[in-house]
Amino acid sequence: MNITEDGFLSGPNCELDWHFNTWTTEMAECLAEELKKADSIIFGRITYNAMAAYWSVKGIDLTGPVEDRAFAEMLNTYTKIVFSDTLKYAVWNNTITVKEDPEQYIKKMKKEVGNPVMIYGSAKLVGYLIEKNLIDEFHLWVHPVKLIKGKPLFGAPVLSFLELEKTRQFRNGVVLHYYKLKV
């Protein structure tokens, strides 16, 4: 999850320009290493639509950066699980659309043996999964940006249920915090 210093995922109208302005190749390489540990990615509909529109074509876009093409190829091969009652067509390959309750579906997934599953963005879905105690780890990319207002990751400061495991600082001032649930 990319967040600002003041805890926002996006601006009030879902603006992400602050995120793109601070993203670097060093961060992309780190994210690719994290993604290699997983085999599926979970999305809510809004994040899925945005990611699908961008990344589904980046693997074949020869005008873009080589790093983007490599990352796109990785994303395009993964199973993508999107929770939505309203998504009519899944346009991104290897997508499973789930209309059932995320809680039950994820509980079933957690019982299966396999690699970790990642969630990108998807603030509403993450909030719901936090309430149901179904997220084991948080990787929070804290950007040196303040928005003052926007869409918060947590409705209130609730990091008390998390334990900081480690951090990694990037040259641009972004700090990646690795949290696990407190036991």
C-alpha atoms as a PDB file:
ATOM      1  CA  MET A   1       0.000   0.000   0.000  1.00  0.00           C
ATOM      2  CA  ASN A   2       1.359   3.406  -0.944  1.00  0.00           C
ATOM      3  CA  ILE A   3       0.412   6.063   1.583  1.00  0.00           C
ATOM      4  CA  THR A   4       1.368   9.629   2.372  1.00  0.00           C
ATOM      5  CA  GLU A   5       3.010  10.762   5.614  1.00  0.00           C
ATOM      6  CA  ASP A   6      -0.420  11.783   6.843  1.00  0.00           C
ATOM      7  CA  GLY A   7      -1.953   8.365   6.103  1.00  0.00           C
ATOM      8  CA  PHE A   8      -3.815   8.882   2.823  1.00  0.00           C
ATOM      9  CA  LEU A   9      -4.012   6.395  -0.058  1.00  0.00           C
ATOM     10  CA  SER A  10      -5.104   9.048  -2.511  1.00  0.00           C
ATOM     11  CA  GLY A  11      -6.398  12.558  -2.746  1.00  0.00           C
ATOM     12  CA  PRO A  12     -10.107  13.211  -2.128  1.00  0.00           C
ATOM     13  CA  ASN A  13     -10.909  12.448  -5.785  1.00  0.00           C
ATOM     14  CA  CYS A  14      -8.623   9.378  -6.013  1.00  0.00           C
ATOM     15  CA  GLU A  15      -5.622  11.416  -7.220  1.00  0.00           C
ATOM     16  CA  LEU A  16      -2.382   9.438  -7.246  1.00  0.00           C
ATOM     17  CA  ASP A  17      -0.025  11.957  -8.830  1.00  0.00           C
ATOM     18  CA  TRP A  18       1.945  12.243  -5.563  1.00  0.00           C
ATOM     19  CA  HIS A  19       2.683   8.524  -5.814  1.00  0.00           C
ATOM     20  CA  PHE A  20       3.851   8.621  -9.420  1.00  0.00           C
ATOM     21  CA  ASN A  21       6.031  11.658  -8.704  1.00  0.00           C
ATOM     22  CA  THR A  22       8.028   9.784  -6.058  1.00  0.00           C
ATOM     23  CA  TRP A  23       8.142   6.289  -7.614  1.00  0.00           C
ATOM     24  CA  THR A  24      11.640   5.173  -8.668  1.00  0.00           C
ATOM     25  CA  THR A  25      13.324   2.255 -10.392  1.00  0.00           C
ATOM     26  CA  GLU A  26      14.810   1.265  -7.021  1.00  0.00           C
ATOM     27  CA  MET A  27      11.297   0.971  -5.579  1.00  0.00           C
ATOM     28  CA  ALA A  28      10.034  -0.937  -8.630  1.00  0.00           C
ATOM     29  CA  GLU A  29      12.821  -3.480  -8.230  1.00  0.00           C
ATOM     30  CA  CYS A  30      11.917  -3.943  -4.564  1.00  0.00           C
ATOM     31  CA  LEU A  31       8.240  -4.394  -5.422  1.00  0.00           C
ATOM     32  CA  ALA A  32       9.101  -6.926  -8.134  1.00  0.00           C
ATOM     33  CA  GLU A  33      11.076  -8.943  -5.562  1.00  0.00           C
ATOM     34  CA  GLU A  34       8.064  -8.917  -3.235  1.00  0.00           C
ATOM     35  CA  LEU A  35       5.743  -9.908  -6.052  1.00  0.00           C
ATOM     36  CA  LYS A  36       7.946 -12.902  -6.918  1.00  0.00           C
ATOM     37  CA  LYS A  37       7.008 -14.395  -3.523  1.00  0.00           C
ATOM     38  CA  ALA A  38       3.291 -14.406  -4.386  1.00  0.00           C
ATOM     39  CA  ASP A  39       1.254 -16.188  -7.012  1.00  0.00           C
ATOM     40  CA  SER A  40      -2.037 -14.277  -6.830  1.00  0.00           C
ATOM     41  CA  ILE A  41      -3.092 -10.657  -6.456  1.00  0.00           C
ATOM     42  CA  ILE A  42      -6.363  -9.511  -4.916  1.00  0.00           C
ATOM     43  CA  PHE A  43      -8.168  -6.353  -5.995  1.00  0.00           C
ATOM     44  CA  GLY A  44     -11.366  -4.467  -5.408  1.00  0.00           C
ATOM     45  CA  ARG A  45     -13.133  -3.351  -8.579  1.00  0.00           C
ATOM     46  CA  ILE A  46     -11.863   0.243  -8.670  1.00  0.00           C
ATOM     47  CA  THR A  47      -8.185  -0.660  -8.276  1.00  0.00           C
ATOM     48  CA  TYR A  48      -8.581  -3.616 -10.645  1.00  0.00           C
ATOM     49  CA  ASN A  49     -10.040  -1.412 -13.386  1.00  0.00           C
ATOM     50  CA  ALA A  50      -7.218   1.125 -13.038  1.00  0.00           C
ATOM     51  CA  MET A  51      -4.463  -1.506 -12.931  1.00  0.00           C
ATOM     52  CA  ALA A  52      -5.953  -3.512 -15.815  1.00  0.00           C
ATOM     53  CA  ALA A  53      -6.251  -0.436 -18.017  1.00  0.00           C
ATOM     54  CA  TYR A  54      -2.594   0.411 -17.478  1.00  0.00           C
ATOM     55  CA  TRP A  55      -0.689  -2.858 -16.997  1.00  0.00           C
ATOM     56  CA  SER A  56      -2.520  -5.207 -19.362  1.00  0.00           C
ATOM     57  CA  VAL A  57      -1.011  -3.388 -22.354  1.00  0.00           C
ATOM     58  CA  LYS A  58       2.376  -2.324 -20.907  1.00  0.00           C
ATOM     59  CA  GLY A  59       4.004  -5.682 -21.710  1.00  0.00           C
ATOM     60  CA  ILE A  60       3.584  -5.025 -25.422  1.00  0.00           C
ATOM     61  CA  ASP A  61       4.253  -1.274 -25.332  1.00  0.00           C
ATOM     62  CA  LEU A  62       7.761  -1.030 -26.767  1.00  0.00           C
ATOM     63  CA  THR A  63       7.858   2.744 -26.249  1.00  0.00           C
ATOM     64  CA  GLY A  64       7.774   2.493 -22.446  1.00  0.00           C
ATOM     65  CA  PRO A  65      10.615   1.792 -20.022  1.00  0.00           C
ATOM     66  CA  VAL A  66      12.057  -1.732 -20.063  1.00  0.00           C
ATOM     67  CA  GLU A  67      11.341  -2.006 -16.315  1.00  0.00           C
ATOM     68  CA  ASP A  68       7.642  -1.363 -16.945  1.00  0.00           C
ATOM     69  CA  ARG A  69       7.502  -4.074 -19.608  1.00  0.00           C
ATOM     70  CA  ALA A  70       9.157  -6.617 -17.318  1.00  0.00           C
ATOM     71  CA  PHE A  71       6.850  -5.746 -14.427  1.00  0.00           C
ATOM     72  CA  ALA A  72       3.806  -5.866 -16.715  1.00  0.00           C
ATOM     73  CA  GLU A  73       4.772  -9.321 -17.971  1.00  0.00           C
ATOM     74  CA  MET A  74       5.021 -10.487 -14.363  1.00  0.00           C
ATOM     75  CA  LEU A  75       1.638  -8.997 -13.433  1.00  0.00           C
ATOM     76  CA  ASN A  76      -0.002 -10.376 -16.556  1.00  0.00           C
ATOM     77  CA  THR A  77       0.963 -13.960 -15.690  1.00  0.00           C
ATOM     78  CA  TYR A  78      -0.389 -13.882 -12.137  1.00  0.00           C
ATOM     79  CA  THR A  79      -3.878 -14.936 -11.126  1.00  0.00           C
ATOM     80  CA  LYS A  80      -5.851 -11.808 -10.347  1.00  0.00           C
ATOM     81  CA  ILE A  81      -8.843 -12.102  -8.029  1.00  0.00           C
ATOM     82  CA  VAL A  82     -11.248  -9.187  -8.123  1.00  0.00           C
ATOM     83  CA  PHE A  83     -14.082  -8.847  -5.622  1.00  0.00           C
ATOM     84  CA  SER A  84     -17.026  -7.086  -7.207  1.00  0.00           C
ATOM     85  CA  ASP A  85     -20.787  -7.345  -7.492  1.00  0.00           C
ATOM     86  CA  THR A  86     -20.818  -4.978 -10.443  1.00  0.00           C
ATOM     87  CA  LEU A  87     -17.858  -5.891 -12.702  1.00  0.00           C
ATOM     88  CA  LYS A  88     -19.392  -7.278 -15.874  1.00  0.00           C
ATOM     89  CA  TYR A  89     -16.260  -8.194 -17.840  1.00  0.00           C
ATOM     90  CA  ALA A  90     -12.784  -9.048 -16.661  1.00  0.00           C
ATOM     91  CA  VAL A  91     -10.547  -7.599 -19.357  1.00  0.00           C
ATOM     92  CA  TRP A  92      -7.204  -8.628 -17.849  1.00  0.00           C
ATOM     93  CA  ASN A  93      -6.041 -12.163 -18.536  1.00  0.00           C
ATOM     94  CA  ASN A  94      -5.955 -14.677 -15.662  1.00  0.00           C
ATOM     95  CA  THR A  95      -8.689 -12.815 -13.773  1.00  0.00           C
ATOM     96  CA  ILE A  96     -11.210 -14.475 -11.506  1.00  0.00           C
ATOM     97  CA  THR A  97     -14.226 -12.339 -10.619  1.00  0.00           C
ATOM     98  CA  VAL A  98     -15.673 -13.180  -7.212  1.00  0.00           C
ATOM     99  CA  LYS A  99     -19.158 -12.013  -6.353  1.00  0.00           C
ATOM    100  CA  GLU A 100     -19.389 -13.904  -3.053  1.00  0.00           C
ATOM    101  CA  ASP A 101     -18.463 -12.547   0.363  1.00  0.00           C
ATOM    102  CA  PRO A 102     -14.716 -11.786   0.465  1.00  0.00           C
ATOM    103  CA  GLU A 103     -14.482 -13.089   4.030  1.00  0.00           C
ATOM    104  CA  GLN A 104     -15.545 -16.627   3.130  1.00  0.00           C
ATOM    105  CA  TYR A 105     -13.527 -16.713  -0.099  1.00  0.00           C
ATOM    106  CA  ILE A 106     -10.325 -15.559   1.584  1.00  0.00           C
ATOM    107  CA  LYS A 107     -10.785 -17.944   4.500  1.00  0.00           C
ATOM    108  CA  LYS A 108     -10.923 -20.775   1.939  1.00  0.00           C
ATOM    109  CA  MET A 109      -7.817 -19.409   0.186  1.00  0.00           C
ATOM    110  CA  LYS A 110      -5.876 -19.233   3.465  1.00  0.00           C
ATOM    111  CA  LYS A 111      -6.507 -22.941   4.056  1.00  0.00           C
ATOM    112  CA  GLU A 112      -4.927 -23.841   0.721  1.00  0.00           C
ATOM    113  CA  VAL A 113      -1.211 -24.449   0.524  1.00  0.00           C
ATOM    114  CA  GLY A 114       0.541 -22.006  -1.751  1.00  0.00           C
ATOM    115  CA  ASN A 115       2.457 -18.799  -2.009  1.00  0.00           C
ATOM    116  CA  PRO A 116       1.361 -15.612  -0.253  1.00  0.00           C
ATOM    117  CA  VAL A 117      -1.376 -13.534  -1.842  1.00  0.00           C
ATOM    118  CA  MET A 118      -0.967  -9.783  -2.258  1.00  0.00           C
ATOM    119  CA  ILE A 119      -3.542  -6.998  -2.261  1.00  0.00           C
ATOM    120  CA  TYR A 120      -2.872  -3.852  -4.278  1.00  0.00           C
ATOM    121  CA  GLY A 121      -4.678  -0.663  -3.306  1.00  0.00           C
ATOM    122  CA  SER A 122      -8.350  -1.541  -2.846  1.00  0.00           C
ATOM    123  CA  ALA A 123      -8.971   0.589   0.236  1.00  0.00           C
ATOM    124  CA  LYS A 124     -12.582  -0.504   0.827  1.00  0.00           C
ATOM    125  CA  LEU A 125     -11.691  -4.173   0.518  1.00  0.00           C
ATOM    126  CA  VAL A 126      -8.654  -3.770   2.792  1.00  0.00           C
ATOM    127  CA  GLY A 127     -10.802  -1.993   5.388  1.00  0.00           C
ATOM    128  CA  TYR A 128     -13.287  -4.853   5.310  1.00  0.00           C
ATOM    129  CA  LEU A 129     -10.528  -7.476   5.587  1.00  0.00           C
ATOM    130  CA  ILE A 130      -8.972  -5.605   8.525  1.00  0.00           C
ATOM    131  CA  GLU A 131     -12.338  -5.747  10.323  1.00  0.00           C
ATOM    132  CA  LYS A 132     -12.493  -9.494   9.671  1.00  0.00           C
ATOM    133  CA  ASN A 133      -8.868  -9.989  10.783  1.00  0.00           C
ATOM    134  CA  LEU A 134      -7.886 -11.582   7.465  1.00  0.00           C
ATOM    135  CA  ILE A 135      -4.706  -9.675   6.625  1.00  0.00           C
ATOM    136  CA  ASP A 136      -1.511 -11.148   8.032  1.00  0.00           C
ATOM    137  CA  GLU A 137       0.995  -8.529   6.887  1.00  0.00           C
ATOM    138  CA  PHE A 138       1.077  -4.935   5.718  1.00  0.00           C
ATOM    139  CA  HIS A 139       3.803  -3.479   3.532  1.00  0.00           C
ATOM    140  CA  LEU A 140       3.272   0.259   3.767  1.00  0.00           C
ATOM    141  CA  TRP A 141       5.250   2.457   1.390  1.00  0.00           C
ATOM    142  CA  VAL A 142       5.217   5.806   3.190  1.00  0.00           C
ATOM    143  CA  HIS A 143       5.949   8.658   0.766  1.00  0.00           C
ATOM    144  CA  PRO A 144       7.387  11.984   2.002  1.00  0.00           C
ATOM    145  CA  VAL A 145       4.243  13.811   0.938  1.00  0.00           C
ATOM    146  CA  LYS A 146       1.382  15.398   2.891  1.00  0.00           C
ATOM    147  CA  LEU A 147      -2.034  15.754   1.295  1.00  0.00           C
ATOM    148  CA  ILE A 148      -3.888  17.221   4.314  1.00  0.00           C
ATOM    149  CA  LYS A 149      -7.083  15.581   3.039  1.00  0.00           C
ATOM    150  CA  GLY A 150      -7.881  12.508   1.001  1.00  0.00           C
ATOM    151  CA  LYS A 151      -8.869   8.866   1.366  1.00  0.00           C
ATOM    152  CA  PRO A 152      -7.264   7.389   4.487  1.00  0.00           C
ATOM    153  CA  LEU A 153      -5.922   3.843   4.685  1.00  0.00           C
ATOM    154  CA  PHE A 154      -7.287   3.435   8.195  1.00  0.00           C
ATOM    155  CA  GLY A 155     -10.431   5.156   9.445  1.00  0.00           C
ATOM    156  CA  ALA A 156      -8.540   6.055  12.632  1.00  0.00           C
ATOM    157  CA  PRO A 157      -4.974   5.468  13.821  1.00  0.00           C
ATOM    158  CA  VAL A 158      -5.261   1.702  14.355  1.00  0.00           C
ATOM    159  CA  LEU A 159      -1.692   0.561  13.879  1.00  0.00           C
ATOM    160  CA  SER A 160      -1.900  -0.760  17.453  1.00  0.00           C
ATOM    161  CA  PHE A 161      -2.851  -4.184  16.073  1.00  0.00           C
ATOM    162  CA  LEU A 162       0.358  -4.294  14.024  1.00  0.00           C
ATOM    163  CA  GLU A 163       3.945  -4.934  14.987  1.00  0.00           C
ATOM    164  CA  LEU A 164       6.753  -3.352  12.984  1.00  0.00           C
ATOM    165  CA  GLU A 165       9.129  -6.019  11.707  1.00  0.00           C
ATOM    166  CA  LYS A 166      11.567  -3.996   9.635  1.00  0.00           C
ATOM    167  CA  THR A 167      11.911  -0.936   7.460  1.00  0.00           C
ATOM    168  CA  ARG A 168      13.717  -0.077   4.272  1.00  0.00           C
ATOM    169  CA  GLN A 169      14.537   3.489   3.293  1.00  0.00           C
ATOM    170  CA  PHE A 170      14.889   4.535  -0.323  1.00  0.00           C
ATOM    171  CA  ARG A 171      17.061   7.364  -1.617  1.00  0.00           C
ATOM    172  CA  ASN A 172      14.009   9.482  -2.472  1.00  0.00           C
ATOM    173  CA  GLY A 173      12.798   9.509   1.152  1.00  0.00           C
ATOM    174  CA  VAL A 174      10.141   6.795   0.811  1.00  0.00           C
ATOM    175  CA  VAL A 175      10.238   4.320   3.688  1.00  0.00           C
ATOM    176  CA  LEU A 176       8.819   0.814   3.318  1.00  0.00           C
ATOM    177  CA  HIS A 177       7.445  -0.469   6.638  1.00  0.00           C
ATOM    178  CA  TYR A 178       6.872  -4.196   7.031  1.00  0.00           C
ATOM    179  CA  TYR A 179       4.216  -4.979   9.647  1.00  0.00           C
ATOM    180  CA  LYS A 180       2.782  -8.256  10.937  1.00  0.00           C
ATOM    181  CA  LEU A 181      -0.241  -8.756  13.130  1.00  0.00           C
ATOM    182  CA  LYS A 182       0.529  -8.740  16.831  1.00  0.00           C
ATOM    183  CA  VAL A 183       0.130 -12.142  18.351  1.00  0.00           C
END
